[in-house]
Amino acid sequence: MDHTPAAPSPPVTQRRWQSLSSIDRRVVGVLAEKAKTTPDIYPMSLNAIRTACNQKSNRMPLMELEADEIEESLDRLRELGAVGLVEGYGRVQKYRHYLYDWLGVDKVELAVMTELLLRGDQTVGELRARAARMEPIADLAALRPVVDSLIEKELVVSLTPEGRGQVVTHSLYKPREIESLREKYQRGAPAAAMAARPDPGEAAGDVPPARSAVRSGTGELLGEFAEISKQIDQIRLELQELRNLHNQTTDELHALKESLGG
């Protein structure tokens, strides 16, 4: 867990955060993640940040960033006040984040934002499972007020309607990126609506008994299929989380070795 004290946020008169490039989002997301999951190697050196940015687990999209790209990103983030250079580590420069103040969030909200910065759009169920590795989030009921608070702060946007399978993402994309995401999910909405419509011109009272029975049986089968699919998706998610945990542990051991000069 993150042991960095979360300073009380002053009354907000003007937001400090702004849209970031994909590289800047990855770099600052990594700093926030490692502060919570591996505080022993935080603040982080340039090499440790690069390793974490390029790790294969809990990252979407995967990246292969070079040291100079990381350094340029850190310079930009320092100018914005989102990241700072920490003195007292000899010749090795180390960096920390200032996202609590920069975003105006608390610890659980930052865990949610960190997960969104590292993976982008995802369902609230996926978000809860992934963010809970950084801060305790017992269930979806516990996540809901956190997401609502972030939406109110304009840090999170909902890409699909509320309810089962709701997809959300952060607001730190560049304008064209968020527009593309909205279009992607809007294109999927009409197809789902069409599938749920009755046949044109066929009122409920006009449906013959045989067709009504078939439709009823089909509805039951579709319901059972949806429930089985949901269970399979949950099993897949749990297996993926186990793989991610294994890969994350491997990556963190590698980062620790690098930070110790190994």
C-alpha atoms as a PDB file:
ATOM      1  CA  MET A   1       0.000   0.000   0.000  1.00  0.00           C
ATOM      2  CA  ASP A   2       1.045   3.583  -0.581  1.00  0.00           C
ATOM      3  CA  HIS A   3       2.542   5.094   2.579  1.00  0.00           C
ATOM      4  CA  THR A   4       2.838   8.572   1.058  1.00  0.00           C
ATOM      5  CA  PRO A   5       0.672  10.891   3.179  1.00  0.00           C
ATOM      6  CA  ALA A   6      -2.217  12.358   1.238  1.00  0.00           C
ATOM      7  CA  ALA A   7      -2.205  16.062   2.018  1.00  0.00           C
ATOM      8  CA  PRO A   8      -5.681  17.543   2.507  1.00  0.00           C
ATOM      9  CA  SER A   9      -6.821  19.156  -0.712  1.00  0.00           C
ATOM     10  CA  PRO A  10      -7.535  22.914  -0.530  1.00  0.00           C
ATOM     11  CA  PRO A  11     -10.804  24.262  -1.951  1.00  0.00           C
ATOM     12  CA  VAL A  12     -10.562  23.871  -5.705  1.00  0.00           C
ATOM     13  CA  THR A  13     -10.808  27.124  -7.653  1.00  0.00           C
ATOM     14  CA  GLN A  14      -9.087  25.998 -10.839  1.00  0.00           C
ATOM     15  CA  ARG A  15      -8.017  22.525 -11.816  1.00  0.00           C
ATOM     16  CA  ARG A  16      -4.290  21.860 -12.092  1.00  0.00           C
ATOM     17  CA  TRP A  17      -4.458  18.731 -14.213  1.00  0.00           C
ATOM     18  CA  GLN A  18      -4.559  18.722 -17.997  1.00  0.00           C
ATOM     19  CA  SER A  19      -4.492  16.277 -20.881  1.00  0.00           C
ATOM     20  CA  LEU A  20      -1.296  14.269 -21.305  1.00  0.00           C
ATOM     21  CA  SER A  21       0.383  12.350 -24.101  1.00  0.00           C
ATOM     22  CA  SER A  22       0.302   8.547 -23.980  1.00  0.00           C
ATOM     23  CA  ILE A  23       3.945   8.442 -22.828  1.00  0.00           C
ATOM     24  CA  ASP A  24       3.375  11.014 -20.087  1.00  0.00           C
ATOM     25  CA  ARG A  25       0.311   9.084 -18.877  1.00  0.00           C
ATOM     26  CA  ARG A  26       2.343   5.889 -18.729  1.00  0.00           C
ATOM     27  CA  VAL A  27       5.241   7.499 -16.835  1.00  0.00           C
ATOM     28  CA  VAL A  28       3.145   9.257 -14.202  1.00  0.00           C
ATOM     29  CA  GLY A  29       0.888   6.202 -13.874  1.00  0.00           C
ATOM     30  CA  VAL A  30       3.917   4.019 -13.173  1.00  0.00           C
ATOM     31  CA  LEU A  31       5.151   6.376 -10.451  1.00  0.00           C
ATOM     32  CA  ALA A  32       1.738   6.320  -8.768  1.00  0.00           C
ATOM     33  CA  GLU A  33       1.464   2.542  -9.076  1.00  0.00           C
ATOM     34  CA  LYS A  34       4.884   1.736  -7.646  1.00  0.00           C
ATOM     35  CA  ALA A  35       4.421   4.203  -4.768  1.00  0.00           C
ATOM     36  CA  LYS A  36       1.478   2.036  -3.705  1.00  0.00           C
ATOM     37  CA  THR A  37       2.587  -1.484  -4.592  1.00  0.00           C
ATOM     38  CA  THR A  38       6.360  -1.365  -3.974  1.00  0.00           C
ATOM     39  CA  PRO A  39       7.168   1.591  -1.706  1.00  0.00           C
ATOM     40  CA  ASP A  40      10.611   0.074  -0.995  1.00  0.00           C
ATOM     41  CA  ILE A  41      11.790   1.087  -4.474  1.00  0.00           C
ATOM     42  CA  TYR A  42      10.038   4.461  -4.466  1.00  0.00           C
ATOM     43  CA  PRO A  43      11.035   7.205  -5.364  1.00  0.00           C
ATOM     44  CA  MET A  44      12.215   5.666  -8.630  1.00  0.00           C
ATOM     45  CA  SER A  45      15.300   5.967 -10.790  1.00  0.00           C
ATOM     46  CA  LEU A  46      15.105   6.537 -14.540  1.00  0.00           C
ATOM     47  CA  ASN A  47      15.997   2.905 -15.242  1.00  0.00           C
ATOM     48  CA  ALA A  48      13.384   1.601 -12.805  1.00  0.00           C
ATOM     49  CA  ILE A  49      10.722   3.817 -14.398  1.00  0.00           C
ATOM     50  CA  ARG A  50      11.644   2.561 -17.856  1.00  0.00           C
ATOM     51  CA  THR A  51      11.430  -1.070 -16.730  1.00  0.00           C
ATOM     52  CA  ALA A  52       8.014  -0.457 -15.175  1.00  0.00           C
ATOM     53  CA  CYS A  53       6.734   1.424 -18.234  1.00  0.00           C
ATOM     54  CA  ASN A  54       7.704  -1.448 -20.515  1.00  0.00           C
ATOM     55  CA  GLN A  55       6.507  -4.323 -18.331  1.00  0.00           C
ATOM     56  CA  LYS A  56       4.065  -6.757 -19.927  1.00  0.00           C
ATOM     57  CA  SER A  57       1.572  -7.054 -17.067  1.00  0.00           C
ATOM     58  CA  ASN A  58      -1.158  -4.530 -16.269  1.00  0.00           C
ATOM     59  CA  ARG A  59      -0.319  -2.319 -19.251  1.00  0.00           C
ATOM     60  CA  MET A  60      -2.452  -1.362 -22.236  1.00  0.00           C
ATOM     61  CA  PRO A  61      -1.071  -0.746 -24.754  1.00  0.00           C
ATOM     62  CA  LEU A  62       2.295  -2.442 -24.343  1.00  0.00           C
ATOM     63  CA  MET A  63       5.183  -0.034 -24.908  1.00  0.00           C
ATOM     64  CA  GLU A  64       8.908  -0.215 -25.576  1.00  0.00           C
ATOM     65  CA  LEU A  65      10.102   3.188 -24.408  1.00  0.00           C
ATOM     66  CA  GLU A  66      13.730   4.277 -24.534  1.00  0.00           C
ATOM     67  CA  ALA A  67      15.542   6.081 -21.713  1.00  0.00           C
ATOM     68  CA  ASP A  68      15.589   9.409 -23.569  1.00  0.00           C
ATOM     69  CA  GLU A  69      11.804   9.252 -24.097  1.00  0.00           C
ATOM     70  CA  ILE A  70      11.311   8.650 -20.363  1.00  0.00           C
ATOM     71  CA  GLU A  71      13.644  11.525 -19.491  1.00  0.00           C
ATOM     72  CA  GLU A  72      11.842  13.932 -21.827  1.00  0.00           C
ATOM     73  CA  SER A  73       8.519  12.866 -20.349  1.00  0.00           C
ATOM     74  CA  LEU A  74       9.767  13.435 -16.793  1.00  0.00           C
ATOM     75  CA  ASP A  75      10.899  16.937 -17.788  1.00  0.00           C
ATOM     76  CA  ARG A  76       7.425  17.722 -19.176  1.00  0.00           C
ATOM     77  CA  LEU A  77       5.682  16.320 -16.113  1.00  0.00           C
ATOM     78  CA  ARG A  78       7.956  18.307 -13.801  1.00  0.00           C
ATOM     79  CA  GLU A  79       7.055  21.501 -15.673  1.00  0.00           C
ATOM     80  CA  LEU A  80       3.373  20.676 -15.150  1.00  0.00           C
ATOM     81  CA  GLY A  81       3.883  20.046 -11.434  1.00  0.00           C
ATOM     82  CA  ALA A  82       2.797  16.406 -11.634  1.00  0.00           C
ATOM     83  CA  VAL A  83       6.260  14.949 -10.914  1.00  0.00           C
ATOM     84  CA  GLY A  84       9.275  16.068  -8.890  1.00  0.00           C
ATOM     85  CA  LEU A  85      12.975  15.256  -8.617  1.00  0.00           C
ATOM     86  CA  VAL A  86      14.006  13.968  -5.181  1.00  0.00           C
ATOM     87  CA  GLU A  87      17.404  14.899  -3.767  1.00  0.00           C
ATOM     88  CA  GLY A  88      19.551  12.844  -1.399  1.00  0.00           C
ATOM     89  CA  TYR A  89      20.184   9.690  -3.431  1.00  0.00           C
ATOM     90  CA  GLY A  90      23.772  10.402  -4.480  1.00  0.00           C
ATOM     91  CA  ARG A  91      24.476  10.445  -8.191  1.00  0.00           C
ATOM     92  CA  VAL A  92      21.296   8.521  -9.018  1.00  0.00           C
ATOM     93  CA  GLN A  93      18.405  10.885  -9.711  1.00  0.00           C
ATOM     94  CA  LYS A  94      15.069   9.695  -8.411  1.00  0.00           C
ATOM     95  CA  TYR A  95      11.549  10.876  -9.106  1.00  0.00           C
ATOM     96  CA  ARG A  96       8.222  10.980  -7.290  1.00  0.00           C
ATOM     97  CA  HIS A  97       4.680  11.996  -8.246  1.00  0.00           C
ATOM     98  CA  TYR A  98       2.510  14.815  -6.896  1.00  0.00           C
ATOM     99  CA  LEU A  99      -0.787  13.435  -8.171  1.00  0.00           C
ATOM    100  CA  TYR A 100      -2.701  13.829  -4.918  1.00  0.00           C
ATOM    101  CA  ASP A 101      -2.505  17.600  -5.268  1.00  0.00           C
ATOM    102  CA  TRP A 102      -2.265  17.734  -9.054  1.00  0.00           C
ATOM    103  CA  LEU A 103      -5.479  15.748  -9.508  1.00  0.00           C
ATOM    104  CA  GLY A 104      -7.104  16.713  -6.203  1.00  0.00           C
ATOM    105  CA  VAL A 105      -7.863  13.124  -5.143  1.00  0.00           C
ATOM    106  CA  ASP A 106      -7.659  10.868  -2.105  1.00  0.00           C
ATOM    107  CA  LYS A 107      -5.860   7.510  -1.872  1.00  0.00           C
ATOM    108  CA  VAL A 108      -8.630   5.286  -3.222  1.00  0.00           C
ATOM    109  CA  GLU A 109      -9.444   7.745  -6.001  1.00  0.00           C
ATOM    110  CA  LEU A 110      -5.771   7.778  -6.982  1.00  0.00           C
ATOM    111  CA  ALA A 111      -5.723   3.965  -7.125  1.00  0.00           C
ATOM    112  CA  VAL A 112      -8.635   4.089  -9.570  1.00  0.00           C
ATOM    113  CA  MET A 113      -7.037   6.854 -11.643  1.00  0.00           C
ATOM    114  CA  THR A 114      -3.716   4.995 -11.700  1.00  0.00           C
ATOM    115  CA  GLU A 115      -5.363   1.865 -13.058  1.00  0.00           C
ATOM    116  CA  LEU A 116      -7.142   3.863 -15.742  1.00  0.00           C
ATOM    117  CA  LEU A 117      -3.919   5.657 -16.709  1.00  0.00           C
ATOM    118  CA  LEU A 118      -2.107   2.328 -17.075  1.00  0.00           C
ATOM    119  CA  ARG A 119      -4.822   0.382 -18.911  1.00  0.00           C
ATOM    120  CA  GLY A 120      -7.340   2.886 -20.277  1.00  0.00           C
ATOM    121  CA  ASP A 121     -11.024   2.083 -20.798  1.00  0.00           C
ATOM    122  CA  GLN A 122     -12.395  -0.911 -18.896  1.00  0.00           C
ATOM    123  CA  THR A 123     -15.542  -2.144 -17.195  1.00  0.00           C
ATOM    124  CA  VAL A 124     -16.158  -1.114 -13.602  1.00  0.00           C
ATOM    125  CA  GLY A 125     -15.839  -4.786 -12.611  1.00  0.00           C
ATOM    126  CA  GLU A 126     -12.383  -5.026 -14.123  1.00  0.00           C
ATOM    127  CA  LEU A 127     -11.476  -1.688 -12.602  1.00  0.00           C
ATOM    128  CA  ARG A 128     -12.444  -2.799  -9.098  1.00  0.00           C
ATOM    129  CA  ALA A 129     -10.445  -6.031  -9.317  1.00  0.00           C
ATOM    130  CA  ARG A 130      -7.359  -4.253 -10.607  1.00  0.00           C
ATOM    131  CA  ALA A 131      -7.453  -1.136  -8.413  1.00  0.00           C
ATOM    132  CA  ALA A 132      -7.994  -3.272  -5.295  1.00  0.00           C
ATOM    133  CA  ARG A 133      -4.368  -4.414  -5.478  1.00  0.00           C
ATOM    134  CA  MET A 134      -3.381  -0.850  -4.536  1.00  0.00           C
ATOM    135  CA  GLU A 135      -6.092   0.151  -2.055  1.00  0.00           C
ATOM    136  CA  PRO A 136      -8.886  -1.838  -0.366  1.00  0.00           C
ATOM    137  CA  ILE A 137     -12.056  -1.814  -2.513  1.00  0.00           C
ATOM    138  CA  ALA A 138     -14.299  -4.574  -1.213  1.00  0.00           C
ATOM    139  CA  ASP A 139     -16.810  -4.766  -4.055  1.00  0.00           C
ATOM    140  CA  LEU A 140     -18.587  -2.833  -6.770  1.00  0.00           C
ATOM    141  CA  ALA A 141     -20.780  -1.126  -4.192  1.00  0.00           C
ATOM    142  CA  ALA A 142     -17.635   0.287  -2.577  1.00  0.00           C
ATOM    143  CA  LEU A 143     -16.265   1.399  -5.962  1.00  0.00           C
ATOM    144  CA  ARG A 144     -19.414   3.194  -7.129  1.00  0.00           C
ATOM    145  CA  PRO A 145     -19.124   6.340  -4.941  1.00  0.00           C
ATOM    146  CA  VAL A 146     -15.429   6.592  -5.856  1.00  0.00           C
ATOM    147  CA  VAL A 147     -16.225   6.526  -9.575  1.00  0.00           C
ATOM    148  CA  ASP A 148     -19.110   8.972  -9.065  1.00  0.00           C
ATOM    149  CA  SER A 149     -16.765  11.364  -7.233  1.00  0.00           C
ATOM    150  CA  LEU A 150     -14.204  11.172 -10.038  1.00  0.00           C
ATOM    151  CA  ILE A 151     -16.899  11.776 -12.645  1.00  0.00           C
ATOM    152  CA  GLU A 152     -18.045  14.822 -10.685  1.00  0.00           C
ATOM    153  CA  LYS A 153     -14.427  16.065 -10.679  1.00  0.00           C
ATOM    154  CA  GLU A 154     -14.364  15.481 -14.465  1.00  0.00           C
ATOM    155  CA  LEU A 155     -11.433  13.086 -14.084  1.00  0.00           C
ATOM    156  CA  VAL A 156     -13.431  10.066 -15.262  1.00  0.00           C
ATOM    157  CA  VAL A 157     -15.943   9.707 -18.081  1.00  0.00           C
ATOM    158  CA  SER A 158     -18.494   6.972 -18.667  1.00  0.00           C
ATOM    159  CA  LEU A 159     -18.350   5.506 -22.173  1.00  0.00           C
ATOM    160  CA  THR A 160     -21.462   3.312 -21.792  1.00  0.00           C
ATOM    161  CA  PRO A 161     -24.640   3.666 -19.696  1.00  0.00           C
ATOM    162  CA  GLU A 162     -24.611   2.745 -16.028  1.00  0.00           C
ATOM    163  CA  GLY A 163     -25.392  -0.850 -15.164  1.00  0.00           C
ATOM    164  CA  ARG A 164     -23.807  -4.233 -15.794  1.00  0.00           C
ATOM    165  CA  GLY A 165     -20.736  -3.960 -17.986  1.00  0.00           C
ATOM    166  CA  GLN A 166     -20.480  -0.172 -17.727  1.00  0.00           C
ATOM    167  CA  VAL A 167     -17.213   1.044 -19.275  1.00  0.00           C
ATOM    168  CA  VAL A 168     -15.343   4.058 -17.915  1.00  0.00           C
ATOM    169  CA  THR A 169     -12.028   5.739 -18.577  1.00  0.00           C
ATOM    170  CA  HIS A 170      -9.998   8.748 -17.438  1.00  0.00           C
ATOM    171  CA  SER A 171     -10.195  12.286 -18.847  1.00  0.00           C
ATOM    172  CA  LEU A 172      -6.475  12.893 -19.357  1.00  0.00           C
ATOM    173  CA  TYR A 173      -6.521  11.848 -23.013  1.00  0.00           C
ATOM    174  CA  LYS A 174      -5.828  14.336 -25.747  1.00  0.00           C
ATOM    175  CA  PRO A 175      -9.138  15.614 -27.223  1.00  0.00           C
ATOM    176  CA  ARG A 176      -8.979  13.500 -30.383  1.00  0.00           C
ATOM    177  CA  GLU A 177      -8.261  10.339 -28.371  1.00  0.00           C
ATOM    178  CA  ILE A 178     -11.324  10.720 -26.162  1.00  0.00           C
ATOM    179  CA  GLU A 179     -13.483  11.505 -29.199  1.00  0.00           C
ATOM    180  CA  SER A 180     -12.333   8.271 -30.852  1.00  0.00           C
ATOM    181  CA  LEU A 181     -13.146   6.298 -27.718  1.00  0.00           C
ATOM    182  CA  ARG A 182     -16.643   7.772 -27.525  1.00  0.00           C
ATOM    183  CA  GLU A 183     -17.245   6.966 -31.192  1.00  0.00           C
ATOM    184  CA  LYS A 184     -16.030   3.399 -30.666  1.00  0.00           C
ATOM    185  CA  TYR A 185     -18.579   2.714 -27.932  1.00  0.00           C
ATOM    186  CA  GLN A 186     -21.371   4.660 -29.621  1.00  0.00           C
ATOM    187  CA  ARG A 187     -20.988   2.444 -32.707  1.00  0.00           C
ATOM    188  CA  GLY A 188     -21.579  -0.601 -30.521  1.00  0.00           C
ATOM    189  CA  ALA A 189     -24.753   0.766 -28.903  1.00  0.00           C
ATOM    190  CA  PRO A 190     -27.141   0.672 -31.939  1.00  0.00           C
ATOM    191  CA  ALA A 191     -26.388  -3.008 -32.623  1.00  0.00           C
ATOM    192  CA  ALA A 192     -27.264  -3.952 -29.053  1.00  0.00           C
ATOM    193  CA  ALA A 193     -30.473  -1.912 -29.215  1.00  0.00           C
ATOM    194  CA  MET A 194     -31.552  -3.530 -32.513  1.00  0.00           C
ATOM    195  CA  ALA A 195     -31.029  -7.030 -31.095  1.00  0.00           C
ATOM    196  CA  ALA A 196     -33.461  -6.239 -28.267  1.00  0.00           C
ATOM    197  CA  ARG A 197     -36.264  -4.885 -30.532  1.00  0.00           C
ATOM    198  CA  PRO A 198     -39.393  -6.947 -31.380  1.00  0.00           C
ATOM    199  CA  ASP A 199     -40.273  -7.634 -34.992  1.00  0.00           C
ATOM    200  CA  PRO A 200     -41.576  -4.464 -36.753  1.00  0.00           C
ATOM    201  CA  GLY A 201     -45.358  -4.161 -36.784  1.00  0.00           C
ATOM    202  CA  GLU A 202     -45.856  -7.046 -34.393  1.00  0.00           C
ATOM    203  CA  ALA A 203     -47.696  -5.892 -31.254  1.00  0.00           C
ATOM    204  CA  ALA A 204     -47.481  -7.988 -28.114  1.00  0.00           C
ATOM    205  CA  GLY A 205     -51.084  -9.186 -28.495  1.00  0.00           C
ATOM    206  CA  ASP A 206     -50.533 -10.233 -32.141  1.00  0.00           C
ATOM    207  CA  VAL A 207     -47.894 -12.866 -31.394  1.00  0.00           C
ATOM    208  CA  PRO A 208     -49.221 -16.391 -32.130  1.00  0.00           C
ATOM    209  CA  PRO A 209     -49.057 -18.821 -29.129  1.00  0.00           C
ATOM    210  CA  ALA A 210     -46.529 -21.120 -30.805  1.00  0.00           C
ATOM    211  CA  ARG A 211     -44.218 -18.234 -31.667  1.00  0.00           C
ATOM    212  CA  SER A 212     -44.721 -16.812 -28.167  1.00  0.00           C
ATOM    213  CA  ALA A 213     -43.650 -20.142 -26.632  1.00  0.00           C
ATOM    214  CA  VAL A 214     -40.609 -20.356 -28.898  1.00  0.00           C
ATOM    215  CA  ARG A 215     -39.683 -16.761 -28.075  1.00  0.00           C
ATOM    216  CA  SER A 216     -40.103 -17.479 -24.349  1.00  0.00           C
ATOM    217  CA  GLY A 217     -37.932 -20.591 -24.565  1.00  0.00           C
ATOM    218  CA  THR A 218     -35.363 -18.750 -26.605  1.00  0.00           C
ATOM    219  CA  GLY A 219     -35.299 -15.973 -24.017  1.00  0.00           C
ATOM    220  CA  GLU A 220     -34.638 -18.482 -21.251  1.00  0.00           C
ATOM    221  CA  LEU A 221     -31.826 -20.089 -23.232  1.00  0.00           C
ATOM    222  CA  LEU A 222     -30.301 -16.710 -23.970  1.00  0.00           C
ATOM    223  CA  GLY A 223     -30.494 -15.859 -20.284  1.00  0.00           C
ATOM    224  CA  GLU A 224     -28.739 -19.100 -19.337  1.00  0.00           C
ATOM    225  CA  PHE A 225     -26.137 -18.529 -22.042  1.00  0.00           C
ATOM    226  CA  ALA A 226     -25.519 -14.993 -20.785  1.00  0.00           C
ATOM    227  CA  GLU A 227     -25.053 -16.284 -17.234  1.00  0.00           C
ATOM    228  CA  ILE A 228     -22.619 -18.993 -18.382  1.00  0.00           C
ATOM    229  CA  SER A 229     -20.727 -16.427 -20.455  1.00  0.00           C
ATOM    230  CA  LYS A 230     -20.542 -14.166 -17.431  1.00  0.00           C
ATOM    231  CA  GLN A 231     -19.095 -16.998 -15.331  1.00  0.00           C
ATOM    232  CA  ILE A 232     -16.542 -17.827 -18.025  1.00  0.00           C
ATOM    233  CA  ASP A 233     -15.539 -14.165 -18.262  1.00  0.00           C
ATOM    234  CA  GLN A 234     -15.083 -14.077 -14.491  1.00  0.00           C
ATOM    235  CA  ILE A 235     -12.872 -17.175 -14.585  1.00  0.00           C
ATOM    236  CA  ARG A 236     -10.828 -15.648 -17.399  1.00  0.00           C
ATOM    237  CA  LEU A 237     -10.473 -12.423 -15.421  1.00  0.00           C
ATOM    238  CA  GLU A 238      -9.294 -14.293 -12.336  1.00  0.00           C
ATOM    239  CA  LEU A 239      -6.772 -16.289 -14.391  1.00  0.00           C
ATOM    240  CA  GLN A 240      -5.527 -13.080 -16.006  1.00  0.00           C
ATOM    241  CA  GLU A 241      -5.154 -11.455 -12.601  1.00  0.00           C
ATOM    242  CA  LEU A 242      -3.050 -14.429 -11.455  1.00  0.00           C
ATOM    243  CA  ARG A 243      -0.859 -14.085 -14.555  1.00  0.00           C
ATOM    244  CA  ASN A 244      -0.595 -10.335 -13.973  1.00  0.00           C
ATOM    245  CA  LEU A 245       0.404 -10.877 -10.354  1.00  0.00           C
ATOM    246  CA  HIS A 246       3.111 -13.324 -11.392  1.00  0.00           C
ATOM    247  CA  ASN A 247       4.429 -10.985 -14.111  1.00  0.00           C
ATOM    248  CA  GLN A 248       4.232  -7.978 -11.824  1.00  0.00           C
ATOM    249  CA  THR A 249       6.245  -9.749  -9.131  1.00  0.00           C
ATOM    250  CA  THR A 250       8.880 -10.669 -11.712  1.00  0.00           C
ATOM    251  CA  ASP A 251       9.014  -7.090 -13.037  1.00  0.00           C
ATOM    252  CA  GLU A 252       9.258  -5.611  -9.557  1.00  0.00           C
ATOM    253  CA  LEU A 253      12.087  -7.944  -8.592  1.00  0.00           C
ATOM    254  CA  HIS A 254      13.902  -6.871 -11.749  1.00  0.00           C
ATOM    255  CA  ALA A 255      13.268  -3.181 -10.956  1.00  0.00           C
ATOM    256  CA  LEU A 256      14.496  -3.685  -7.390  1.00  0.00           C
ATOM    257  CA  LYS A 257      17.656  -5.334  -8.694  1.00  0.00           C
ATOM    258  CA  GLU A 258      18.283  -2.396 -11.051  1.00  0.00           C
ATOM    259  CA  SER A 259      17.641   0.193  -8.329  1.00  0.00           C
ATOM    260  CA  LEU A 260      20.220  -1.551  -6.145  1.00  0.00           C
ATOM    261  CA  GLY A 261      22.743  -1.425  -8.960  1.00  0.00           C
ATOM    262  CA  GLY A 262      22.525  -5.136  -9.727  1.00  0.00           C
END
